[in-house]
Amino acid sequence: MKPLLLFSISLLIIFFTSCNEASNESTPVTEESMIPDTATSLQDHHNAVSSLDWDGIYKGVLPCADCEGIETALTLKKDLTYIITTSYLGKEANSTNDQGKFRWDVAGNTIKLAGVSNGPNQYFVGENHLRQLDLTGQKITGTLADKYILAKQTTNVESVSVNVAAALLETKWRLFALNGQPVEKAEPGKREIHIILKEKDNRLQGFAGCNTMMGSYELKDGSLILIKKIASTRMACDAITTEVAFLKVLDQIDNYTINGNMLSFNKAKMAPLASFVAE
C-alpha cells in the first residue's frame, strides 16, 4: 500500500504545480491588445463605429508650420484599410502617399493609422468629418484648433475616381466645407448647396442653402476667378446663417484649384474658403 500511496501523492504534487505555473503565466497587456481588431466588436455600443457612416473620403487643408498648408485626402474603408495623400502647398517634391490598416480605440470614437510614424496618425471621427489629433492623441487647442478638420465628401469610396478631373464649367459642384468647417448634407428630398458655372454668357447659378442664387463670373489666366453680381431670392430658413457666410465667401475668392473631382475656391494663397465635390 505504501508504494501506491506515495505514487498518488506524487501525482497530486505534479498536478497542482502545473496548475499554479499555468495560472501565473499571463499575456502582457499592450496598447495593441486593448484595441479591437475589427469594428464589429464595438457595434453594441453607441459610438462612431455603430452610429455613423464613417467610411468614405475626407479632405481638407491642414495648418503647416513652414508651408502654405497641407492638402490632405484620407480614405477610410469598411475593411479597416486607409489611403492618405498629403501635399505641402508651396513646396517642391511635396506629395506623400501612405496606406495600410487602421484601428479604433476602445471607445470606438478615434482611429489610429498604422504605418504613419512621421506625423500625427490619430483622428477623432465625427459627423461627416475627421478631427486630426496631436502626436499624443489629444485634441489640438488654440486659435487654429478648428483648422485641423477633414470634411467628408462621399460615403461610397468606390464611386470616386480621383484620376479623372471634373470640368470647371457645366458641372454641378456641391459644397461640403466652408471656411474650414464641414457642411452637412441636406436631408433626403431637399436641395444641396451647390453652384454651376454655365459656359454660355459666363452665368453662375445655384442654391445657397435657403435661396436660389444667380450671378456671373470672370475667368483669367493662372486659375483666377471673379464672382460678381450675385443676387438671390429672399426666403428665410434655418440655414440662413450658412447661406450668408457662403455668399460672403463667393464675394471674397479670387482663384480656384481643381484636384480630381474636387474644386476649391481660395483667396490669394490662403487655405480654401469653400470646397466642393462634383456631382
C-alpha atoms as a PDB file:
ATOM      1  CA  MET A   1       0.000   0.000   0.000  1.00  0.00           C
ATOM      2  CA  LYS A   2       2.792   2.403   0.794  1.00  0.00           C
ATOM      3  CA  PRO A   3       4.261   2.464  -2.761  1.00  0.00           C
ATOM      4  CA  LEU A   4       0.776   3.108  -4.132  1.00  0.00           C
ATOM      5  CA  LEU A   5       0.169   5.937  -1.615  1.00  0.00           C
ATOM      6  CA  LEU A   6       3.489   7.571  -2.429  1.00  0.00           C
ATOM      7  CA  PHE A   7       2.742   7.342  -6.140  1.00  0.00           C
ATOM      8  CA  SER A   8      -0.671   9.006  -5.668  1.00  0.00           C
ATOM      9  CA  ILE A   9       0.813  11.825  -3.612  1.00  0.00           C
ATOM     10  CA  SER A  10       3.458  12.409  -6.290  1.00  0.00           C
ATOM     11  CA  LEU A  11       0.771  12.719  -8.970  1.00  0.00           C
ATOM     12  CA  LEU A  12      -1.132  15.267  -6.875  1.00  0.00           C
ATOM     13  CA  ILE A  13       2.003  17.365  -6.349  1.00  0.00           C
ATOM     14  CA  ILE A  14       2.722  17.387 -10.105  1.00  0.00           C
ATOM     15  CA  PHE A  15      -0.908  18.328 -10.900  1.00  0.00           C
ATOM     16  CA  PHE A  16      -1.080  21.320  -8.538  1.00  0.00           C
ATOM     17  CA  THR A  17       2.371  22.535  -9.545  1.00  0.00           C
ATOM     18  CA  SER A  18       1.332  22.544 -13.217  1.00  0.00           C
ATOM     19  CA  CYS A  19      -1.879  24.461 -12.406  1.00  0.00           C
ATOM     20  CA  ASN A  20      -0.007  27.110 -10.468  1.00  0.00           C
ATOM     21  CA  GLU A  21       2.510  27.599 -13.262  1.00  0.00           C
ATOM     22  CA  ALA A  22      -0.280  27.920 -15.817  1.00  0.00           C
ATOM     23  CA  SER A  23      -2.175  30.444 -13.710  1.00  0.00           C
ATOM     24  CA  ASN A  24       0.963  32.532 -13.250  1.00  0.00           C
ATOM     25  CA  GLU A  25       1.501  32.798 -16.999  1.00  0.00           C
ATOM     26  CA  SER A  26      -0.219  35.920 -18.324  1.00  0.00           C
ATOM     27  CA  THR A  27      -0.400  37.685 -21.647  1.00  0.00           C
ATOM     28  CA  PRO A  28       1.264  41.120 -21.455  1.00  0.00           C
ATOM     29  CA  VAL A  29      -1.284  43.947 -21.705  1.00  0.00           C
ATOM     30  CA  THR A  30      -0.273  46.316 -24.507  1.00  0.00           C
ATOM     31  CA  GLU A  31      -1.967  49.122 -26.371  1.00  0.00           C
ATOM     32  CA  GLU A  32      -2.418  46.828 -29.366  1.00  0.00           C
ATOM     33  CA  SER A  33      -4.088  44.090 -27.298  1.00  0.00           C
ATOM     34  CA  MET A  34      -6.595  46.590 -25.884  1.00  0.00           C
ATOM     35  CA  ILE A  35      -7.733  47.870 -29.288  1.00  0.00           C
ATOM     36  CA  PRO A  36     -10.269  45.672 -31.103  1.00  0.00           C
ATOM     37  CA  ASP A  37      -9.067  44.206 -34.399  1.00  0.00           C
ATOM     38  CA  THR A  38     -12.383  44.878 -36.128  1.00  0.00           C
ATOM     39  CA  ALA A  39     -15.061  47.497 -35.917  1.00  0.00           C
ATOM     40  CA  THR A  40     -17.694  44.794 -35.484  1.00  0.00           C
ATOM     41  CA  SER A  41     -16.517  44.100 -31.926  1.00  0.00           C
ATOM     42  CA  LEU A  42     -17.670  47.618 -30.960  1.00  0.00           C
ATOM     43  CA  GLN A  43     -21.038  47.576 -32.682  1.00  0.00           C
ATOM     44  CA  ASP A  44     -23.082  47.104 -29.498  1.00  0.00           C
ATOM     45  CA  HIS A  45     -22.016  50.490 -28.088  1.00  0.00           C
ATOM     46  CA  HIS A  46     -23.266  53.961 -29.004  1.00  0.00           C
ATOM     47  CA  ASN A  47     -20.171  55.411 -30.657  1.00  0.00           C
ATOM     48  CA  ALA A  48     -18.803  56.484 -34.017  1.00  0.00           C
ATOM     49  CA  VAL A  49     -18.395  52.883 -35.183  1.00  0.00           C
ATOM     50  CA  SER A  50     -22.035  51.974 -34.618  1.00  0.00           C
ATOM     51  CA  SER A  51     -23.766  55.333 -35.077  1.00  0.00           C
ATOM     52  CA  LEU A  52     -22.020  56.981 -38.036  1.00  0.00           C
ATOM     53  CA  ASP A  53     -21.461  56.142 -41.696  1.00  0.00           C
ATOM     54  CA  TRP A  54     -17.756  56.669 -41.174  1.00  0.00           C
ATOM     55  CA  ASP A  55     -16.351  55.038 -44.316  1.00  0.00           C
ATOM     56  CA  GLY A  56     -15.614  57.447 -47.138  1.00  0.00           C
ATOM     57  CA  ILE A  57     -13.204  60.103 -48.332  1.00  0.00           C
ATOM     58  CA  TYR A  58     -12.220  63.081 -46.197  1.00  0.00           C
ATOM     59  CA  LYS A  59     -10.352  66.126 -47.491  1.00  0.00           C
ATOM     60  CA  GLY A  60      -9.116  69.475 -46.308  1.00  0.00           C
ATOM     61  CA  VAL A  61      -6.100  71.748 -45.963  1.00  0.00           C
ATOM     62  CA  LEU A  62      -4.470  71.459 -42.534  1.00  0.00           C
ATOM     63  CA  PRO A  63      -2.180  74.065 -40.953  1.00  0.00           C
ATOM     64  CA  CYS A  64       1.534  73.868 -41.719  1.00  0.00           C
ATOM     65  CA  ALA A  65       4.412  75.451 -39.783  1.00  0.00           C
ATOM     66  CA  ASP A  66       6.653  76.069 -42.807  1.00  0.00           C
ATOM     67  CA  CYS A  67       4.345  75.951 -45.841  1.00  0.00           C
ATOM     68  CA  GLU A  68       1.059  77.365 -47.082  1.00  0.00           C
ATOM     69  CA  GLY A  69      -0.947  74.393 -45.879  1.00  0.00           C
ATOM     70  CA  ILE A  70      -1.076  70.597 -46.032  1.00  0.00           C
ATOM     71  CA  GLU A  71      -3.678  69.458 -48.557  1.00  0.00           C
ATOM     72  CA  THR A  72      -4.822  66.119 -47.173  1.00  0.00           C
ATOM     73  CA  ALA A  73      -7.066  63.357 -48.537  1.00  0.00           C
ATOM     74  CA  LEU A  74      -7.811  60.396 -46.256  1.00  0.00           C
ATOM     75  CA  THR A  75      -9.873  57.427 -47.436  1.00  0.00           C
ATOM     76  CA  LEU A  76     -11.346  55.045 -44.839  1.00  0.00           C
ATOM     77  CA  LYS A  77     -12.766  51.711 -45.962  1.00  0.00           C
ATOM     78  CA  LYS A  78     -15.047  49.204 -44.258  1.00  0.00           C
ATOM     79  CA  ASP A  79     -12.284  46.585 -44.253  1.00  0.00           C
ATOM     80  CA  LEU A  80     -10.311  48.871 -41.888  1.00  0.00           C
ATOM     81  CA  THR A  81      -7.786  49.956 -44.510  1.00  0.00           C
ATOM     82  CA  TYR A  82      -6.858  53.537 -45.324  1.00  0.00           C
ATOM     83  CA  ILE A  83      -5.152  55.593 -48.031  1.00  0.00           C
ATOM     84  CA  ILE A  84      -3.779  59.022 -47.186  1.00  0.00           C
ATOM     85  CA  THR A  85      -2.294  61.559 -49.594  1.00  0.00           C
ATOM     86  CA  THR A  86      -0.701  64.802 -48.439  1.00  0.00           C
ATOM     87  CA  SER A  87       0.585  67.723 -50.482  1.00  0.00           C
ATOM     88  CA  TYR A  88       2.629  70.511 -48.892  1.00  0.00           C
ATOM     89  CA  LEU A  89       1.458  73.614 -50.703  1.00  0.00           C
ATOM     90  CA  GLY A  90       4.213  75.935 -51.870  1.00  0.00           C
ATOM     91  CA  LYS A  91       6.964  73.305 -51.704  1.00  0.00           C
ATOM     92  CA  GLU A  92       8.674  71.263 -54.384  1.00  0.00           C
ATOM     93  CA  ALA A  93       8.545  67.442 -54.190  1.00  0.00           C
ATOM     94  CA  ASN A  94       5.733  67.984 -51.756  1.00  0.00           C
ATOM     95  CA  SER A  95       3.488  64.912 -52.079  1.00  0.00           C
ATOM     96  CA  THR A  96       3.411  61.786 -49.911  1.00  0.00           C
ATOM     97  CA  ASN A  97       1.219  58.704 -50.074  1.00  0.00           C
ATOM     98  CA  ASP A  98       0.662  56.081 -47.379  1.00  0.00           C
ATOM     99  CA  GLN A  99      -1.719  53.197 -46.985  1.00  0.00           C
ATOM    100  CA  GLY A 100      -2.313  50.406 -44.516  1.00  0.00           C
ATOM    101  CA  LYS A 101      -4.598  49.319 -41.700  1.00  0.00           C
ATOM    102  CA  PHE A 102      -6.235  51.465 -39.039  1.00  0.00           C
ATOM    103  CA  ARG A 103      -7.660  50.594 -35.620  1.00  0.00           C
ATOM    104  CA  TRP A 104     -10.391  52.037 -33.428  1.00  0.00           C
ATOM    105  CA  ASP A 105      -9.711  52.983 -29.834  1.00  0.00           C
ATOM    106  CA  VAL A 106     -11.539  51.148 -27.052  1.00  0.00           C
ATOM    107  CA  ALA A 107     -14.277  53.812 -27.015  1.00  0.00           C
ATOM    108  CA  GLY A 108     -14.905  53.440 -30.746  1.00  0.00           C
ATOM    109  CA  ASN A 109     -14.592  57.161 -31.496  1.00  0.00           C
ATOM    110  CA  THR A 110     -10.955  57.613 -32.568  1.00  0.00           C
ATOM    111  CA  ILE A 111      -8.911  55.868 -35.244  1.00  0.00           C
ATOM    112  CA  LYS A 112      -5.161  55.316 -35.397  1.00  0.00           C
ATOM    113  CA  LEU A 113      -3.380  54.810 -38.714  1.00  0.00           C
ATOM    114  CA  ALA A 114      -0.753  52.062 -38.637  1.00  0.00           C
ATOM    115  CA  GLY A 115       2.453  52.773 -40.542  1.00  0.00           C
ATOM    116  CA  VAL A 116       2.366  56.565 -40.184  1.00  0.00           C
ATOM    117  CA  SER A 117       5.290  57.475 -37.962  1.00  0.00           C
ATOM    118  CA  ASN A 118       6.475  60.834 -39.314  1.00  0.00           C
ATOM    119  CA  GLY A 119       3.472  62.863 -38.168  1.00  0.00           C
ATOM    120  CA  PRO A 120       0.048  62.766 -36.497  1.00  0.00           C
ATOM    121  CA  ASN A 121      -1.758  59.469 -37.054  1.00  0.00           C
ATOM    122  CA  GLN A 122      -4.862  59.738 -34.884  1.00  0.00           C
ATOM    123  CA  TYR A 123      -8.236  61.238 -35.827  1.00  0.00           C
ATOM    124  CA  PHE A 124     -11.428  61.758 -33.875  1.00  0.00           C
ATOM    125  CA  VAL A 125     -14.389  60.627 -36.006  1.00  0.00           C
ATOM    126  CA  GLY A 126     -17.369  62.998 -36.003  1.00  0.00           C
ATOM    127  CA  GLU A 127     -20.479  63.514 -38.105  1.00  0.00           C
ATOM    128  CA  ASN A 128     -19.196  63.926 -41.686  1.00  0.00           C
ATOM    129  CA  HIS A 129     -15.715  64.989 -40.573  1.00  0.00           C
ATOM    130  CA  LEU A 130     -12.451  63.882 -39.010  1.00  0.00           C
ATOM    131  CA  ARG A 131     -10.533  65.982 -36.499  1.00  0.00           C
ATOM    132  CA  GLN A 132      -6.780  65.456 -36.523  1.00  0.00           C
ATOM    133  CA  LEU A 133      -5.328  64.974 -33.032  1.00  0.00           C
ATOM    134  CA  ASP A 134      -1.833  65.832 -31.834  1.00  0.00           C
ATOM    135  CA  LEU A 135       1.063  63.369 -31.518  1.00  0.00           C
ATOM    136  CA  THR A 136      -0.190  62.247 -28.098  1.00  0.00           C
ATOM    137  CA  GLY A 137      -3.752  61.667 -29.296  1.00  0.00           C
ATOM    138  CA  GLN A 138      -5.152  64.813 -27.663  1.00  0.00           C
ATOM    139  CA  LYS A 139      -7.406  67.429 -29.259  1.00  0.00           C
ATOM    140  CA  ILE A 140      -5.446  70.369 -30.650  1.00  0.00           C
ATOM    141  CA  THR A 141      -6.296  73.643 -28.952  1.00  0.00           C
ATOM    142  CA  GLY A 142      -5.557  77.291 -29.678  1.00  0.00           C
ATOM    143  CA  THR A 143      -6.559  79.722 -32.393  1.00  0.00           C
ATOM    144  CA  LEU A 144      -6.052  77.150 -35.175  1.00  0.00           C
ATOM    145  CA  ALA A 145      -7.937  74.337 -33.432  1.00  0.00           C
ATOM    146  CA  ASP A 146     -10.846  74.380 -35.901  1.00  0.00           C
ATOM    147  CA  LYS A 147      -8.483  74.214 -38.882  1.00  0.00           C
ATOM    148  CA  TYR A 148      -7.493  70.597 -38.157  1.00  0.00           C
ATOM    149  CA  ILE A 149     -10.619  69.173 -39.771  1.00  0.00           C
ATOM    150  CA  LEU A 150     -11.089  66.969 -42.829  1.00  0.00           C
ATOM    151  CA  ALA A 151     -14.591  67.132 -44.315  1.00  0.00           C
ATOM    152  CA  LYS A 152     -16.325  64.058 -45.677  1.00  0.00           C
ATOM    153  CA  GLN A 153     -17.110  64.011 -49.377  1.00  0.00           C
ATOM    154  CA  THR A 154     -18.771  60.715 -50.152  1.00  0.00           C
ATOM    155  CA  THR A 155     -19.992  57.606 -48.363  1.00  0.00           C
ATOM    156  CA  ASN A 156     -19.258  55.419 -51.380  1.00  0.00           C
ATOM    157  CA  VAL A 157     -15.497  55.154 -51.642  1.00  0.00           C
ATOM    158  CA  GLU A 158     -15.536  53.102 -54.808  1.00  0.00           C
ATOM    159  CA  SER A 159     -17.639  55.695 -56.670  1.00  0.00           C
ATOM    160  CA  VAL A 160     -14.947  58.374 -56.560  1.00  0.00           C
ATOM    161  CA  SER A 161     -12.345  58.461 -59.306  1.00  0.00           C
ATOM    162  CA  VAL A 162      -9.600  60.828 -58.206  1.00  0.00           C
ATOM    163  CA  ASN A 163      -7.751  60.343 -61.505  1.00  0.00           C
ATOM    164  CA  VAL A 164     -10.444  61.947 -63.654  1.00  0.00           C
ATOM    165  CA  ALA A 165     -10.619  65.695 -63.337  1.00  0.00           C
ATOM    166  CA  ALA A 166     -14.080  67.204 -63.414  1.00  0.00           C
ATOM    167  CA  ALA A 167     -14.600  70.187 -65.687  1.00  0.00           C
ATOM    168  CA  LEU A 168     -14.903  73.567 -64.022  1.00  0.00           C
ATOM    169  CA  LEU A 169     -17.771  74.634 -66.293  1.00  0.00           C
ATOM    170  CA  GLU A 170     -21.149  72.924 -66.670  1.00  0.00           C
ATOM    171  CA  THR A 171     -20.529  70.761 -63.579  1.00  0.00           C
ATOM    172  CA  LYS A 172     -22.740  70.728 -60.518  1.00  0.00           C
ATOM    173  CA  TRP A 173     -20.423  71.439 -57.586  1.00  0.00           C
ATOM    174  CA  ARG A 174     -21.825  70.534 -54.145  1.00  0.00           C
ATOM    175  CA  LEU A 175     -20.458  72.488 -51.198  1.00  0.00           C
ATOM    176  CA  PHE A 176     -19.017  70.228 -48.465  1.00  0.00           C
ATOM    177  CA  ALA A 177     -16.781  72.623 -46.487  1.00  0.00           C
ATOM    178  CA  LEU A 178     -16.986  76.333 -45.778  1.00  0.00           C
ATOM    179  CA  ASN A 179     -14.261  78.343 -44.020  1.00  0.00           C
ATOM    180  CA  GLY A 180     -12.621  75.088 -42.972  1.00  0.00           C
ATOM    181  CA  GLN A 181     -15.803  73.673 -41.400  1.00  0.00           C
ATOM    182  CA  PRO A 182     -17.778  70.712 -42.784  1.00  0.00           C
ATOM    183  CA  VAL A 183     -21.194  71.406 -44.292  1.00  0.00           C
ATOM    184  CA  GLU A 184     -23.757  68.728 -43.578  1.00  0.00           C
ATOM    185  CA  LYS A 185     -25.549  67.104 -46.479  1.00  0.00           C
ATOM    186  CA  ALA A 186     -29.171  68.050 -46.900  1.00  0.00           C
ATOM    187  CA  GLU A 187     -31.924  65.744 -45.740  1.00  0.00           C
ATOM    188  CA  PRO A 188     -33.373  63.387 -48.359  1.00  0.00           C
ATOM    189  CA  GLY A 189     -35.626  65.251 -50.752  1.00  0.00           C
ATOM    190  CA  LYS A 190     -34.050  68.636 -50.059  1.00  0.00           C
ATOM    191  CA  ARG A 191     -31.599  70.539 -52.234  1.00  0.00           C
ATOM    192  CA  GLU A 192     -27.876  70.625 -51.542  1.00  0.00           C
ATOM    193  CA  ILE A 193     -25.916  73.864 -51.504  1.00  0.00           C
ATOM    194  CA  HIS A 194     -24.279  73.979 -54.921  1.00  0.00           C
ATOM    195  CA  ILE A 195     -23.132  76.097 -57.831  1.00  0.00           C
ATOM    196  CA  ILE A 196     -22.949  75.604 -61.593  1.00  0.00           C
ATOM    197  CA  LEU A 197     -20.765  77.808 -63.771  1.00  0.00           C
ATOM    198  CA  LYS A 198     -22.572  77.925 -67.107  1.00  0.00           C
ATOM    199  CA  GLU A 199     -20.418  78.317 -70.189  1.00  0.00           C
ATOM    200  CA  LYS A 200     -22.966  80.462 -72.004  1.00  0.00           C
ATOM    201  CA  ASP A 201     -22.695  84.143 -71.070  1.00  0.00           C
ATOM    202  CA  ASN A 202     -20.477  83.318 -68.074  1.00  0.00           C
ATOM    203  CA  ARG A 203     -23.517  82.808 -65.886  1.00  0.00           C
ATOM    204  CA  LEU A 204     -23.455  81.382 -62.344  1.00  0.00           C
ATOM    205  CA  GLN A 205     -26.470  79.626 -60.894  1.00  0.00           C
ATOM    206  CA  GLY A 206     -27.059  77.531 -57.823  1.00  0.00           C
ATOM    207  CA  PHE A 207     -28.635  77.127 -54.408  1.00  0.00           C
ATOM    208  CA  ALA A 208     -27.204  78.858 -51.333  1.00  0.00           C
ATOM    209  CA  GLY A 209     -28.992  76.936 -48.593  1.00  0.00           C
ATOM    210  CA  CYS A 210     -32.262  78.863 -48.389  1.00  0.00           C
ATOM    211  CA  ASN A 211     -32.467  80.707 -51.681  1.00  0.00           C
ATOM    212  CA  THR A 212     -31.786  80.180 -55.336  1.00  0.00           C
ATOM    213  CA  MET A 213     -28.926  82.387 -56.474  1.00  0.00           C
ATOM    214  CA  MET A 214     -27.584  83.693 -59.732  1.00  0.00           C
ATOM    215  CA  GLY A 215     -24.737  85.888 -60.897  1.00  0.00           C
ATOM    216  CA  SER A 216     -21.806  85.980 -63.260  1.00  0.00           C
ATOM    217  CA  TYR A 217     -18.153  85.045 -63.227  1.00  0.00           C
ATOM    218  CA  GLU A 218     -14.935  86.029 -64.987  1.00  0.00           C
ATOM    219  CA  LEU A 219     -12.012  83.689 -65.597  1.00  0.00           C
ATOM    220  CA  LYS A 220      -8.448  84.849 -66.095  1.00  0.00           C
ATOM    221  CA  ASP A 221      -5.111  83.159 -66.736  1.00  0.00           C
ATOM    222  CA  GLY A 222      -3.493  81.387 -63.802  1.00  0.00           C
ATOM    223  CA  SER A 223      -6.717  79.852 -62.419  1.00  0.00           C
ATOM    224  CA  LEU A 224      -8.018  83.254 -61.377  1.00  0.00           C
ATOM    225  CA  ILE A 225     -11.755  83.746 -60.979  1.00  0.00           C
ATOM    226  CA  LEU A 226     -14.001  86.615 -60.013  1.00  0.00           C
ATOM    227  CA  ILE A 227     -17.609  86.093 -58.916  1.00  0.00           C
ATOM    228  CA  LYS A 228     -19.771  89.162 -59.318  1.00  0.00           C
ATOM    229  CA  LYS A 229     -23.319  90.487 -59.473  1.00  0.00           C
ATOM    230  CA  ILE A 230     -24.623  87.846 -57.056  1.00  0.00           C
ATOM    231  CA  ALA A 231     -28.369  88.002 -56.428  1.00  0.00           C
ATOM    232  CA  SER A 232     -30.788  85.643 -54.730  1.00  0.00           C
ATOM    233  CA  THR A 233     -34.371  85.172 -53.737  1.00  0.00           C
ATOM    234  CA  ARG A 234     -35.358  86.349 -50.265  1.00  0.00           C
ATOM    235  CA  MET A 235     -36.772  83.374 -48.373  1.00  0.00           C
ATOM    236  CA  ALA A 236     -35.822  82.733 -44.732  1.00  0.00           C
ATOM    237  CA  CYS A 237     -34.984  79.342 -43.227  1.00  0.00           C
ATOM    238  CA  ASP A 238     -32.874  77.606 -40.565  1.00  0.00           C
ATOM    239  CA  ALA A 239     -29.827  77.544 -42.855  1.00  0.00           C
ATOM    240  CA  ILE A 240     -29.735  81.295 -43.402  1.00  0.00           C
ATOM    241  CA  THR A 241     -26.511  81.677 -41.365  1.00  0.00           C
ATOM    242  CA  THR A 242     -24.682  79.237 -43.640  1.00  0.00           C
ATOM    243  CA  GLU A 243     -26.129  80.974 -46.695  1.00  0.00           C
ATOM    244  CA  VAL A 244     -24.919  84.402 -45.588  1.00  0.00           C
ATOM    245  CA  ALA A 245     -21.416  83.024 -44.943  1.00  0.00           C
ATOM    246  CA  PHE A 246     -21.391  81.245 -48.311  1.00  0.00           C
ATOM    247  CA  LEU A 247     -22.396  84.359 -50.260  1.00  0.00           C
ATOM    248  CA  LYS A 248     -19.754  86.358 -48.401  1.00  0.00           C
ATOM    249  CA  VAL A 249     -17.067  83.821 -49.385  1.00  0.00           C
ATOM    250  CA  LEU A 250     -18.105  83.967 -53.040  1.00  0.00           C
ATOM    251  CA  ASP A 251     -17.566  87.713 -52.899  1.00  0.00           C
ATOM    252  CA  GLN A 252     -14.054  87.256 -51.450  1.00  0.00           C
ATOM    253  CA  ILE A 253     -12.433  84.498 -53.533  1.00  0.00           C
ATOM    254  CA  ASP A 254     -10.026  85.279 -56.369  1.00  0.00           C
ATOM    255  CA  ASN A 255      -8.671  81.885 -57.528  1.00  0.00           C
ATOM    256  CA  TYR A 256      -9.610  78.230 -57.741  1.00  0.00           C
ATOM    257  CA  THR A 257      -7.972  74.796 -57.789  1.00  0.00           C
ATOM    258  CA  ILE A 258      -9.295  71.509 -59.173  1.00  0.00           C
ATOM    259  CA  ASN A 259      -7.946  68.196 -57.893  1.00  0.00           C
ATOM    260  CA  GLY A 260      -9.749  65.224 -59.420  1.00  0.00           C
ATOM    261  CA  ASN A 261     -13.431  65.720 -58.639  1.00  0.00           C
ATOM    262  CA  MET A 262     -12.708  68.421 -56.062  1.00  0.00           C
ATOM    263  CA  LEU A 263     -12.990  72.187 -56.504  1.00  0.00           C
ATOM    264  CA  SER A 264     -11.659  74.758 -54.051  1.00  0.00           C
ATOM    265  CA  PHE A 265     -12.329  78.478 -54.060  1.00  0.00           C
ATOM    266  CA  ASN A 266      -9.465  80.400 -52.476  1.00  0.00           C
ATOM    267  CA  LYS A 267      -8.299  83.903 -51.661  1.00  0.00           C
ATOM    268  CA  ALA A 268      -4.650  84.522 -52.559  1.00  0.00           C
ATOM    269  CA  LYS A 269      -2.582  81.676 -51.040  1.00  0.00           C
ATOM    270  CA  MET A 270      -4.805  81.133 -48.042  1.00  0.00           C
ATOM    271  CA  ALA A 271      -6.412  77.799 -47.214  1.00  0.00           C
ATOM    272  CA  PRO A 272      -9.602  77.126 -49.247  1.00  0.00           C
ATOM    273  CA  LEU A 273     -12.576  79.227 -48.231  1.00  0.00           C
ATOM    274  CA  ALA A 274     -15.075  76.923 -49.947  1.00  0.00           C
ATOM    275  CA  SER A 275     -14.637  73.309 -51.057  1.00  0.00           C
ATOM    276  CA  PHE A 276     -16.898  71.418 -53.473  1.00  0.00           C
ATOM    277  CA  VAL A 277     -17.270  67.922 -54.860  1.00  0.00           C
ATOM    278  CA  ALA A 278     -18.531  67.214 -58.385  1.00  0.00           C
ATOM    279  CA  GLU A 279     -21.912  65.534 -58.678  1.00  0.00           C
END
